[in-house]
Amino acid sequence: MSDVVDAITALTPLFPHDEAYLRAVVVDFDRWKDAGFGVPDFLDSLVAFQPQQHRVDGIRHLVVFPMYTQNGSRDRHVEAVLVEVIWPEFIARLETEYTNGLFVSLRLVDFTPGYDTNSAVLFPETVAMREVPTFTWGAIFQDREAARYRRVTRAAAEITKLELPEAAARMLDDLGIRTPRPDAESTVLKVTNDLWTARSFEVVPAYAELLRTSFAASHHSVDFAGDPQAARAAINAHVKTHTNGRIPELVPVDLIGRDTRVVLTNAIWLKAAWLHAFAERGTKPAPFHFADGSSADVPTMQIANEFAFAENDAWQCVVLPFDDHALVCEVILPRAGHTLTEAEAVLLQGTHLATLAEARVHVKLPRFRTMGSCRLREALLALGIRSAFGGADFSGIATNEPLVVGDVVHQTWIQVDEKGAEAAGATAVVLKRGGEAAKPVHTFTADRPFAFTLRDRRTGLVLFLGRVDDPRATAATVPPMKAKPPKSAPSRG
């Protein structure tokens, strides 16, 4: 039970809209444990769970509770479900006319074994508590209900030998709200934060606790003074593991020394399948026009479907959704006479979002892999971040000796193909002992350099931003560190 409570506490910062509920459920679990695991009473936390107050498309809720009965068992099974709100514009519009203040449309994202069934509901009556609350609510998971509807309708059509119209058959085969295809790879998005400190180096406890509770960061002690290269190898191996092997050597050999005291690392790995996959048989060689005026044939994927699309005199933009629904890939293409830098600014500023509309689009996009690495010290200095490299007060991290930032390194790796996208990014901030001066039916054809993002629609956060100058650049190894990003070097948001 302690593991359950610790896990809920660690996850609470990821669900700020559910903070009152998750804190109340911890209290309920502690009370249940203190009472010797008798009859559980989770009424207080149940009343605190108010998902109808956050009707935002893509927002997620974590619900943890003991079921009174489960599949006929009288035992107290603790279950957990991760649900996502489905609140597209048309539902929001309907709710302005047919108001039901407690209605929220949900889909299951993940669940414990008790929900590994065809169950499509979550009612308060299934939660063990001392009394039925004065309000009543129930959750019907729309993805499972939709899957059930499709199965029943399809079976009825087959039994009655009813020939379904093309549009109806298409709806049964692929509904926007649905369970993932059994053969599809699940979307994976993993973020790992770590604190690496020299042995015997004392970090302010409040700082380590802040990293643990707010960023789920792990604390590692390594021997920077005695064997700096072994410490560097440990950091790089950890990052390699948490980026699926895509970033094998984040920290270069010259960046770690005996005066290194603290290294902060962040690693992100994403793998997602397209909602509408490109057919591999449709990939053909097609011309790609480079910025210098030359061109070459590159493998180019093709698909025609309904996509969010926008265009003006300066650019075209198409949004390719992933199977997860919450993640999308935005591709922007500058028109003749306009630069890729201008188009990148549109993506970063989000000025294109208000003009997107569903349209039939024939997309031609080269299959590509791009990677990049850079040291950010000079770029950060140019942005005015100077004191961190000499003169800043880092006493919030440590008080036993002064610290300065030696350098910041960043690497990315992204691949887009017919099945979907895989992306990895990692950053390391190296702090060393201070006291010495720091070193100074539209057509969208991506047949010329373009920019792209991988964006989380729930928060608007750009997870990856990149440009493709040459889709043939598919080096098998990460290029050497340079002061400036190389060509095709994306930068993670």
Protein backbone atom coordinates (compact mmCIF):
# COMPACT_ATOMS: atom_id res chain seq x y z
CA MET A 1 0.00 0.00 0.00
CA SER A 2 2.93 2.34 0.67
CA ASP A 3 4.03 1.85 -2.95
CA VAL A 4 0.54 2.84 -4.16
CA VAL A 5 0.50 5.98 -2.03
CA ASP A 6 4.06 6.94 -3.04
CA ALA A 7 3.19 6.47 -6.71
CA ILE A 8 0.08 8.65 -6.43
CA THR A 9 2.08 11.35 -4.62
CA ALA A 10 4.80 11.27 -7.29
CA LEU A 11 2.25 11.52 -10.10
CA THR A 12 0.15 14.29 -8.54
CA PRO A 13 2.22 17.17 -10.07
CA LEU A 14 1.36 15.79 -13.53
CA PHE A 15 -2.35 16.31 -12.85
CA PRO A 16 -2.65 19.80 -11.28
CA HIS A 17 -6.38 19.94 -12.16
CA ASP A 18 -6.92 16.82 -10.01
CA GLU A 19 -4.69 17.85 -7.09
CA ALA A 20 -7.56 18.03 -4.56
CA TYR A 21 -8.80 14.57 -5.57
CA LEU A 22 -5.38 12.88 -5.56
CA ARG A 23 -4.46 14.35 -2.16
CA ALA A 24 -7.82 13.19 -0.79
CA VAL A 25 -7.35 9.68 -2.17
CA VAL A 26 -3.96 9.45 -0.39
CA VAL A 27 -5.72 10.32 2.87
CA ASP A 28 -8.37 7.66 2.18
CA PHE A 29 -5.72 5.01 1.50
CA ASP A 30 -3.82 5.92 4.69
CA ARG A 31 -7.03 5.74 6.73
CA TRP A 32 -7.86 2.35 5.22
CA LYS A 33 -4.37 1.04 6.05
CA ASP A 34 -4.48 2.41 9.61
CA ALA A 35 -7.81 0.64 10.15
CA GLY A 36 -6.27 -2.70 9.25
CA PHE A 37 -7.69 -2.87 5.71
CA GLY A 38 -11.25 -3.41 6.85
CA VAL A 39 -14.15 -1.88 4.93
CA PRO A 40 -12.67 0.89 2.78
CA ASP A 41 -14.29 4.33 2.71
CA PHE A 42 -13.34 6.50 -0.28
CA LEU A 43 -16.30 8.90 -0.20
CA ASP A 44 -14.18 11.97 0.54
CA SER A 45 -11.93 11.49 -2.46
CA LEU A 46 -14.85 10.54 -4.69
CA VAL A 47 -16.60 13.82 -3.89
CA ALA A 48 -13.35 15.68 -4.66
CA PHE A 49 -13.17 14.13 -8.15
CA GLN A 50 -14.86 16.67 -10.43
CA PRO A 51 -13.82 15.98 -14.06
CA GLN A 52 -16.76 17.98 -15.42
CA GLN A 53 -14.99 21.15 -14.28
CA HIS A 54 -12.23 20.56 -16.84
CA ARG A 55 -13.95 19.85 -20.14
CA VAL A 56 -10.85 20.32 -22.28
CA ASP A 57 -10.10 18.08 -25.24
CA GLY A 58 -7.14 15.80 -24.45
CA ILE A 59 -6.83 16.56 -20.73
CA ARG A 60 -6.18 13.42 -18.66
CA HIS A 61 -7.33 12.19 -15.25
CA LEU A 62 -5.89 9.52 -12.97
CA VAL A 63 -8.49 7.65 -10.90
CA VAL A 64 -7.42 5.16 -8.18
CA PHE A 65 -9.94 3.34 -5.98
CA PRO A 66 -10.83 0.01 -4.28
CA MET A 67 -13.76 -1.73 -6.00
CA TYR A 68 -16.47 -3.16 -3.77
CA THR A 69 -16.91 -6.10 -6.13
CA GLN A 70 -14.95 -7.13 -9.16
CA ASN A 71 -16.06 -9.90 -11.50
CA GLY A 72 -18.04 -11.48 -8.68
CA SER A 73 -15.20 -11.36 -6.16
CA ARG A 74 -15.90 -9.99 -2.68
CA ASP A 75 -12.24 -9.09 -2.16
CA ARG A 76 -11.05 -5.49 -2.12
CA HIS A 77 -9.27 -4.98 -5.42
CA VAL A 78 -7.50 -1.67 -5.95
CA GLU A 79 -7.91 -0.47 -9.52
CA ALA A 80 -6.55 2.51 -11.44
CA VAL A 81 -7.61 4.01 -14.76
CA LEU A 82 -6.00 6.75 -16.82
CA VAL A 83 -8.69 8.47 -18.87
CA GLU A 84 -8.62 11.23 -21.47
CA VAL A 85 -11.37 13.76 -22.12
CA ILE A 86 -12.87 13.77 -25.62
CA TRP A 87 -14.19 17.28 -26.10
CA PRO A 88 -13.93 18.30 -29.76
CA GLU A 89 -15.44 21.53 -30.96
CA PHE A 90 -18.74 19.99 -32.07
CA ILE A 91 -19.43 18.58 -28.59
CA ALA A 92 -18.56 21.90 -26.97
CA ARG A 93 -20.96 23.60 -29.38
CA LEU A 94 -23.75 21.13 -28.63
CA GLU A 95 -23.28 21.61 -24.89
CA THR A 96 -24.07 25.31 -25.26
CA GLU A 97 -27.56 24.30 -26.42
CA TYR A 98 -28.21 21.05 -24.52
CA THR A 99 -26.48 21.72 -21.23
CA ASN A 100 -25.65 18.86 -18.90
CA GLY A 101 -23.17 20.20 -16.39
CA LEU A 102 -21.99 16.74 -15.31
CA PHE A 103 -21.41 15.33 -18.81
CA VAL A 104 -17.85 14.53 -19.85
CA SER A 105 -16.87 12.29 -22.73
CA LEU A 106 -13.91 10.03 -21.89
CA ARG A 107 -11.73 7.36 -23.41
CA LEU A 108 -9.48 4.85 -21.64
CA VAL A 109 -5.75 5.42 -22.08
CA ASP A 110 -4.45 2.81 -19.62
CA PHE A 111 -5.84 0.65 -16.82
CA THR A 112 -5.10 -2.07 -14.27
CA PRO A 113 -6.16 -5.69 -14.93
CA GLY A 114 -9.66 -5.21 -13.49
CA TYR A 115 -10.54 -3.12 -16.53
CA ASP A 116 -8.89 -5.47 -19.03
CA THR A 117 -12.40 -6.54 -20.06
CA ASN A 118 -15.19 -5.20 -22.22
CA SER A 119 -16.37 -2.99 -19.34
CA ALA A 120 -17.10 0.50 -20.62
CA VAL A 121 -18.30 2.20 -17.43
CA LEU A 122 -17.10 3.62 -14.13
CA PHE A 123 -19.85 4.38 -11.62
CA PRO A 124 -19.61 5.64 -8.02
CA GLU A 125 -21.40 2.49 -6.91
CA THR A 126 -18.29 0.49 -7.81
CA VAL A 127 -16.18 2.51 -5.36
CA ALA A 128 -16.22 1.30 -1.78
CA MET A 129 -17.53 4.09 0.50
CA ARG A 130 -19.68 4.71 3.55
CA GLU A 131 -22.66 6.26 1.73
CA VAL A 132 -23.93 7.19 -1.71
CA PRO A 133 -23.07 10.84 -2.43
CA THR A 134 -25.81 13.40 -2.90
CA PHE A 135 -24.91 13.81 -6.56
CA THR A 136 -24.81 10.99 -9.06
CA TRP A 137 -22.49 10.65 -12.01
CA GLY A 138 -21.20 7.92 -14.24
CA ALA A 139 -18.41 7.58 -16.75
CA ILE A 140 -18.98 5.80 -20.03
CA PHE A 141 -15.78 5.28 -21.96
CA GLN A 142 -16.70 6.41 -25.45
CA ASP A 143 -13.93 4.45 -27.16
CA ARG A 144 -15.21 1.12 -25.79
CA GLU A 145 -18.84 2.04 -26.42
CA ALA A 146 -17.93 2.99 -29.99
CA ALA A 147 -16.11 -0.31 -30.48
CA ARG A 148 -19.15 -2.19 -29.13
CA TYR A 149 -21.47 -0.24 -31.45
CA ARG A 150 -19.32 -1.08 -34.45
CA ARG A 151 -19.21 -4.79 -33.58
CA VAL A 152 -22.96 -5.02 -33.06
CA THR A 153 -23.82 -3.03 -36.17
CA ARG A 154 -21.39 -4.99 -38.32
CA ALA A 155 -22.74 -8.32 -37.05
CA ALA A 156 -26.33 -7.20 -37.64
CA ALA A 157 -25.50 -6.19 -41.20
CA GLU A 158 -23.89 -9.56 -41.86
CA ILE A 159 -26.78 -11.55 -40.34
CA THR A 160 -29.41 -9.60 -42.30
CA LYS A 161 -27.21 -9.55 -45.42
CA LEU A 162 -27.55 -5.78 -45.51
CA GLU A 163 -25.21 -4.07 -47.94
CA LEU A 164 -23.92 -1.03 -46.11
CA PRO A 165 -23.40 2.26 -47.98
CA GLU A 166 -19.75 3.14 -48.45
CA ALA A 167 -19.85 5.98 -45.90
CA ALA A 168 -21.45 3.72 -43.25
CA ALA A 169 -18.90 0.95 -43.87
CA ARG A 170 -16.08 3.46 -43.55
CA MET A 171 -17.50 4.68 -40.25
CA LEU A 172 -17.59 1.13 -38.88
CA ASP A 173 -14.03 0.48 -40.02
CA ASP A 174 -12.46 3.65 -38.67
CA LEU A 175 -14.24 5.86 -36.16
CA GLY A 176 -12.39 8.87 -34.78
CA ILE A 177 -13.25 7.77 -31.22
CA ARG A 178 -12.13 4.18 -31.04
CA THR A 179 -9.96 1.63 -29.33
CA PRO A 180 -6.44 1.24 -30.77
CA ARG A 181 -6.00 -1.29 -33.53
CA PRO A 182 -4.83 -4.62 -32.05
CA ASP A 183 -1.89 -4.72 -34.46
CA ALA A 184 -0.89 -1.09 -33.97
CA GLU A 185 2.06 -0.06 -31.86
CA SER A 186 1.03 2.01 -28.87
CA THR A 187 2.25 5.57 -28.68
CA VAL A 188 5.16 5.87 -26.26
CA LEU A 189 6.28 9.19 -24.80
CA LYS A 190 8.88 8.93 -22.04
CA VAL A 191 10.59 11.83 -20.28
CA THR A 192 13.45 11.17 -17.86
CA ASN A 193 15.15 13.72 -15.60
CA ASP A 194 18.26 12.96 -13.56
CA LEU A 195 20.59 14.68 -11.11
CA TRP A 196 24.23 13.49 -11.10
CA THR A 197 26.49 14.73 -8.29
CA ALA A 198 30.08 14.13 -7.26
CA ARG A 199 30.62 11.79 -4.34
CA SER A 200 30.74 13.60 -0.99
CA PHE A 201 29.30 16.71 -2.69
CA GLU A 202 26.36 17.93 -0.63
CA VAL A 203 23.28 19.15 -2.47
CA VAL A 204 20.75 21.31 -0.63
CA PRO A 205 18.07 18.76 0.43
CA ALA A 206 15.22 21.06 -0.61
CA TYR A 207 16.65 21.23 -4.15
CA ALA A 208 16.92 17.45 -4.50
CA GLU A 209 13.39 17.09 -3.13
CA LEU A 210 12.08 19.68 -5.59
CA LEU A 211 13.60 17.76 -8.51
CA ARG A 212 12.14 14.51 -7.19
CA THR A 213 8.59 15.73 -6.58
CA SER A 214 8.18 18.18 -9.47
CA PHE A 215 10.23 16.47 -12.18
CA ALA A 216 10.37 12.83 -11.00
CA ALA A 217 14.16 13.15 -11.12
CA SER A 218 16.44 10.41 -9.81
CA HIS A 219 19.61 11.31 -7.89
CA HIS A 220 22.87 9.51 -8.76
CA SER A 221 26.25 9.80 -7.01
CA VAL A 222 29.26 9.33 -9.32
CA ASP A 223 33.03 9.69 -8.97
CA PHE A 224 33.76 12.82 -11.00
CA ALA A 225 36.99 13.51 -9.05
CA GLY A 226 38.44 9.99 -9.08
CA ASP A 227 37.33 8.73 -12.49
CA PRO A 228 35.58 11.42 -14.54
CA GLN A 229 35.42 9.33 -17.72
CA ALA A 230 33.71 6.44 -15.93
CA ALA A 231 31.18 8.96 -14.59
CA ARG A 232 30.67 10.33 -18.11
CA ALA A 233 30.18 6.78 -19.44
CA ALA A 234 27.52 6.12 -16.78
CA ILE A 235 25.62 9.28 -17.74
CA ASN A 236 25.79 8.50 -21.45
CA ALA A 237 24.70 4.88 -20.92
CA HIS A 238 21.69 6.05 -18.91
CA VAL A 239 20.66 8.55 -21.60
CA LYS A 240 21.19 5.93 -24.31
CA THR A 241 18.86 3.51 -22.50
CA HIS A 242 16.15 6.14 -22.06
CA THR A 243 16.27 7.27 -25.70
CA ASN A 244 15.98 3.75 -27.12
CA GLY A 245 19.62 3.83 -28.15
CA ARG A 246 19.15 6.85 -30.40
CA ILE A 247 21.47 9.15 -28.42
CA PRO A 248 24.44 6.97 -27.45
CA GLU A 249 26.88 9.71 -26.40
CA LEU A 250 25.33 12.93 -25.13
CA VAL A 251 28.23 14.23 -23.04
CA PRO A 252 31.52 14.59 -24.98
CA VAL A 253 34.83 13.49 -23.54
CA ASP A 254 36.16 16.99 -22.82
CA LEU A 255 33.13 18.24 -20.90
CA ILE A 256 33.58 16.17 -17.73
CA GLY A 257 36.60 16.69 -15.50
CA ARG A 258 37.76 16.36 -11.92
CA ASP A 259 36.25 19.77 -11.15
CA THR A 260 32.75 18.68 -12.29
CA ARG A 261 30.31 18.78 -9.40
CA VAL A 262 26.77 18.50 -10.83
CA VAL A 263 25.25 17.35 -14.12
CA LEU A 264 21.54 17.74 -14.86
CA THR A 265 20.19 15.57 -17.69
CA ASN A 266 16.86 15.43 -19.47
CA ALA A 267 15.97 12.76 -22.04
CA ILE A 268 12.81 12.35 -24.10
CA TRP A 269 11.81 9.50 -26.39
CA LEU A 270 8.71 9.41 -28.55
CA LYS A 271 7.41 6.72 -30.84
CA ALA A 272 3.99 7.10 -32.45
CA ALA A 273 2.05 5.52 -35.31
CA TRP A 274 0.12 7.63 -37.80
CA LEU A 275 -3.64 7.70 -37.48
CA HIS A 276 -3.65 7.41 -41.28
CA ALA A 277 -0.56 5.43 -42.28
CA PHE A 278 1.16 5.99 -45.61
CA ALA A 279 1.01 2.93 -47.86
CA GLU A 280 4.57 1.69 -48.45
CA ARG A 281 3.68 0.73 -52.02
CA GLY A 282 2.89 4.39 -52.64
CA THR A 283 6.42 5.55 -51.80
CA LYS A 284 8.21 6.44 -55.03
CA PRO A 285 11.29 8.43 -56.00
CA ALA A 286 10.37 12.09 -56.59
CA PRO A 287 12.40 15.28 -57.06
CA PHE A 288 13.39 17.30 -53.98
CA HIS A 289 14.60 20.84 -54.71
CA PHE A 290 17.44 22.08 -52.50
CA ALA A 291 18.03 25.64 -51.37
CA ASP A 292 21.00 26.00 -53.74
CA GLY A 293 18.80 25.32 -56.77
CA SER A 294 19.89 21.73 -57.36
CA SER A 295 17.57 18.72 -57.01
CA ALA A 296 17.66 14.96 -56.53
CA ASP A 297 15.16 12.11 -56.41
CA VAL A 298 14.32 10.97 -52.88
CA PRO A 299 11.84 8.34 -51.56
CA THR A 300 8.56 10.26 -51.23
CA MET A 301 5.48 8.99 -49.39
CA GLN A 302 1.95 9.80 -50.54
CA ILE A 303 -1.49 9.86 -48.95
CA ALA A 304 -4.84 11.49 -49.70
CA ASN A 305 -7.19 12.00 -46.78
CA GLU A 306 -8.96 14.55 -44.59
CA PHE A 307 -6.40 16.62 -42.69
CA ALA A 308 -6.26 19.95 -40.91
CA PHE A 309 -4.86 22.31 -43.53
CA ALA A 310 -4.09 26.00 -44.00
CA GLU A 311 -2.41 28.05 -46.71
CA ASN A 312 -1.73 31.67 -47.64
CA ASP A 313 0.61 33.58 -49.92
CA ALA A 314 3.62 32.76 -47.73
CA TRP A 315 3.21 29.09 -46.78
CA GLN A 316 1.17 25.88 -46.73
CA CYS A 317 0.70 23.80 -43.58
CA VAL A 318 -0.75 20.32 -43.09
CA VAL A 319 -1.31 18.56 -39.74
CA LEU A 320 -0.78 14.78 -39.68
CA PRO A 321 -2.38 13.18 -36.59
CA PHE A 322 -0.93 10.22 -34.74
CA ASP A 323 -2.97 7.25 -33.53
CA ASP A 324 -2.80 8.67 -29.99
CA HIS A 325 -4.97 11.66 -31.10
CA ALA A 326 -3.26 13.98 -28.60
CA LEU A 327 -0.06 14.22 -30.70
CA VAL A 328 0.26 15.64 -34.20
CA CYS A 329 3.00 16.35 -36.71
CA GLU A 330 2.74 19.78 -38.31
CA VAL A 331 4.59 20.26 -41.60
CA ILE A 332 4.94 23.76 -43.03
CA LEU A 333 6.20 24.53 -46.52
CA PRO A 334 7.28 28.06 -47.54
CA ARG A 335 6.09 29.27 -50.92
CA ALA A 336 8.44 30.60 -53.56
CA GLY A 337 9.94 33.91 -52.49
CA HIS A 338 9.63 33.13 -48.78
CA THR A 339 12.21 31.57 -46.49
CA LEU A 340 12.19 28.50 -44.31
CA THR A 341 13.12 30.73 -41.37
CA GLU A 342 9.86 32.65 -41.83
CA ALA A 343 7.92 29.38 -41.88
CA GLU A 344 9.66 28.13 -38.73
CA ALA A 345 8.62 31.33 -36.94
CA VAL A 346 4.99 30.63 -37.84
CA LEU A 347 5.20 27.19 -36.22
CA LEU A 348 6.88 28.49 -33.08
CA GLN A 349 4.48 31.41 -32.66
CA GLY A 350 1.44 29.24 -33.45
CA THR A 351 -0.06 31.84 -35.77
CA HIS A 352 -1.17 29.09 -38.15
CA LEU A 353 -3.40 27.34 -35.61
CA ALA A 354 -6.39 29.68 -35.94
CA THR A 355 -6.51 29.21 -39.73
CA LEU A 356 -6.45 25.40 -39.83
CA ALA A 357 -9.55 23.72 -41.24
CA GLU A 358 -10.40 20.16 -42.28
CA ALA A 359 -9.87 19.64 -46.00
CA ARG A 360 -9.15 16.88 -48.47
CA VAL A 361 -5.38 17.00 -48.99
CA HIS A 362 -3.06 14.97 -51.20
CA VAL A 363 0.17 14.92 -49.19
CA LYS A 364 3.56 14.08 -50.66
CA LEU A 365 6.24 13.94 -47.99
CA PRO A 366 9.78 12.55 -48.20
CA ARG A 367 10.75 9.79 -45.83
CA PHE A 368 13.56 11.22 -43.69
CA ARG A 369 15.84 10.85 -40.72
CA THR A 370 17.53 13.86 -39.19
CA MET A 371 19.85 14.29 -36.25
CA GLY A 372 21.84 17.09 -34.69
CA SER A 373 24.10 18.00 -31.82
CA CYS A 374 25.27 21.30 -30.46
CA ARG A 375 26.90 23.04 -27.55
CA LEU A 376 24.71 25.87 -26.34
CA ARG A 377 27.13 27.99 -24.30
CA GLU A 378 27.72 30.60 -27.00
CA ALA A 379 24.05 30.70 -27.96
CA LEU A 380 23.02 31.21 -24.34
CA LEU A 381 25.60 33.95 -23.89
CA ALA A 382 24.25 35.66 -27.01
CA LEU A 383 20.78 35.55 -25.48
CA GLY A 384 22.08 37.39 -22.43
CA ILE A 385 22.40 34.43 -20.05
CA ARG A 386 25.86 35.38 -18.83
CA SER A 387 26.01 35.17 -15.05
CA ALA A 388 25.30 31.41 -15.08
CA PHE A 389 28.75 30.91 -16.63
CA GLY A 390 30.44 32.94 -13.91
CA GLY A 391 29.06 35.03 -11.05
CA ALA A 392 25.59 33.50 -10.55
CA ASP A 393 24.38 32.48 -7.11
CA PHE A 394 23.78 28.71 -7.13
CA SER A 395 23.47 28.43 -3.36
CA GLY A 396 20.00 26.98 -3.88
CA ILE A 397 21.75 23.88 -5.24
CA ALA A 398 24.78 23.72 -2.94
CA THR A 399 26.29 25.88 -0.21
CA ASN A 400 29.61 24.13 0.45
CA GLU A 401 31.35 25.58 -2.65
CA PRO A 402 30.48 27.95 -5.52
CA LEU A 403 29.29 26.58 -8.85
CA VAL A 404 29.36 27.80 -12.44
CA VAL A 405 27.87 26.31 -15.60
CA GLY A 406 30.62 24.88 -17.78
CA ASP A 407 28.49 24.17 -20.85
CA VAL A 408 25.12 22.88 -22.02
CA VAL A 409 24.92 20.14 -24.67
CA HIS A 410 21.90 19.06 -26.68
CA GLN A 411 21.26 16.24 -29.17
CA THR A 412 18.23 15.15 -31.19
CA TRP A 413 17.33 12.26 -33.48
CA ILE A 414 14.10 12.08 -35.51
CA GLN A 415 12.86 9.63 -38.12
CA VAL A 416 9.61 9.87 -40.12
CA ASP A 417 8.43 7.03 -42.35
CA GLU A 418 5.27 5.36 -43.62
CA LYS A 419 4.33 3.94 -40.21
CA GLY A 420 4.84 7.01 -38.05
CA ALA A 421 7.57 8.89 -36.25
CA GLU A 422 10.27 8.16 -33.71
CA ALA A 423 12.11 10.98 -31.98
CA ALA A 424 14.64 11.34 -29.21
CA GLY A 425 16.20 14.34 -27.55
CA ALA A 426 18.54 14.88 -24.63
CA THR A 427 20.14 17.81 -22.85
CA ALA A 428 22.89 17.99 -20.22
CA VAL A 429 23.81 20.98 -18.08
CA VAL A 430 27.29 20.59 -16.59
CA LEU A 431 28.17 22.58 -13.46
CA LYS A 432 31.70 22.68 -12.15
CA ARG A 433 33.52 24.16 -9.19
CA GLY A 434 33.47 27.94 -9.32
CA GLY A 435 36.18 30.36 -8.31
CA GLU A 436 37.78 30.59 -11.74
CA ALA A 437 36.62 32.49 -14.79
CA ALA A 438 34.36 30.55 -17.09
CA LYS A 439 35.47 29.98 -20.70
CA PRO A 440 33.88 32.37 -23.17
CA VAL A 441 -8.01 18.56 -52.51
CA HIS A 442 -5.15 20.72 -52.06
CA THR A 443 -1.75 19.58 -52.98
CA PHE A 444 0.99 19.60 -50.40
CA THR A 445 4.28 18.46 -51.95
CA ALA A 446 7.32 18.79 -49.71
CA ASP A 447 9.83 18.83 -52.55
CA ARG A 448 12.07 21.53 -51.09
CA PRO A 449 13.41 22.33 -47.60
CA PHE A 450 10.66 22.37 -44.98
CA ALA A 451 10.20 22.71 -41.23
CA PHE A 452 8.17 20.54 -38.89
CA THR A 453 7.14 20.12 -35.27
CA LEU A 454 5.91 17.31 -33.07
CA ARG A 455 3.39 19.06 -30.81
CA ASP A 456 1.29 18.00 -27.81
CA ARG A 457 -2.17 19.39 -28.59
CA ARG A 458 -3.27 19.18 -24.96
CA THR A 459 -0.76 21.78 -23.81
CA GLY A 460 0.35 23.37 -27.08
CA LEU A 461 3.91 22.41 -26.17
CA VAL A 462 6.29 21.88 -29.12
CA LEU A 463 8.14 18.67 -28.24
CA PHE A 464 10.41 18.76 -31.29
CA LEU A 465 11.06 21.44 -33.93
CA GLY A 466 13.18 20.69 -36.94
CA ARG A 467 13.98 21.49 -40.54
CA VAL A 468 14.85 19.17 -43.40
CA ASP A 469 17.27 20.69 -45.88
CA ASP A 470 18.24 17.33 -47.39
CA PRO A 471 16.15 14.18 -46.67
CA ARG A 472 19.06 12.05 -47.91
CA ALA A 473 21.11 13.00 -44.81
CA THR A 474 20.73 9.76 -42.87
CA ALA A 475 24.10 9.36 -41.19
CA ALA A 476 24.21 6.29 -38.98
CA THR A 477 26.17 8.03 -36.24
CA VAL A 478 25.75 11.33 -34.45
CA PRO A 479 28.05 13.97 -35.97
CA PRO A 480 30.78 15.57 -33.82
CA MET A 481 29.80 18.35 -31.43
CA LYS A 482 30.04 21.83 -32.98
CA ALA A 483 29.46 25.30 -31.68
CA LYS A 484 26.61 25.80 -34.14
CA PRO A 485 23.87 23.31 -35.05
CA PRO A 486 24.55 21.42 -38.29
CA LYS A 487 22.11 21.20 -41.14
CA SER A 488 18.89 19.36 -40.42
CA ALA A 489 19.37 19.93 -36.68
CA PRO A 490 16.02 20.09 -34.90
CA SER A 491 15.72 21.77 -31.56
CA ARG A 492 13.40 20.40 -28.93
CA GLY A 493 10.91 22.81 -27.39
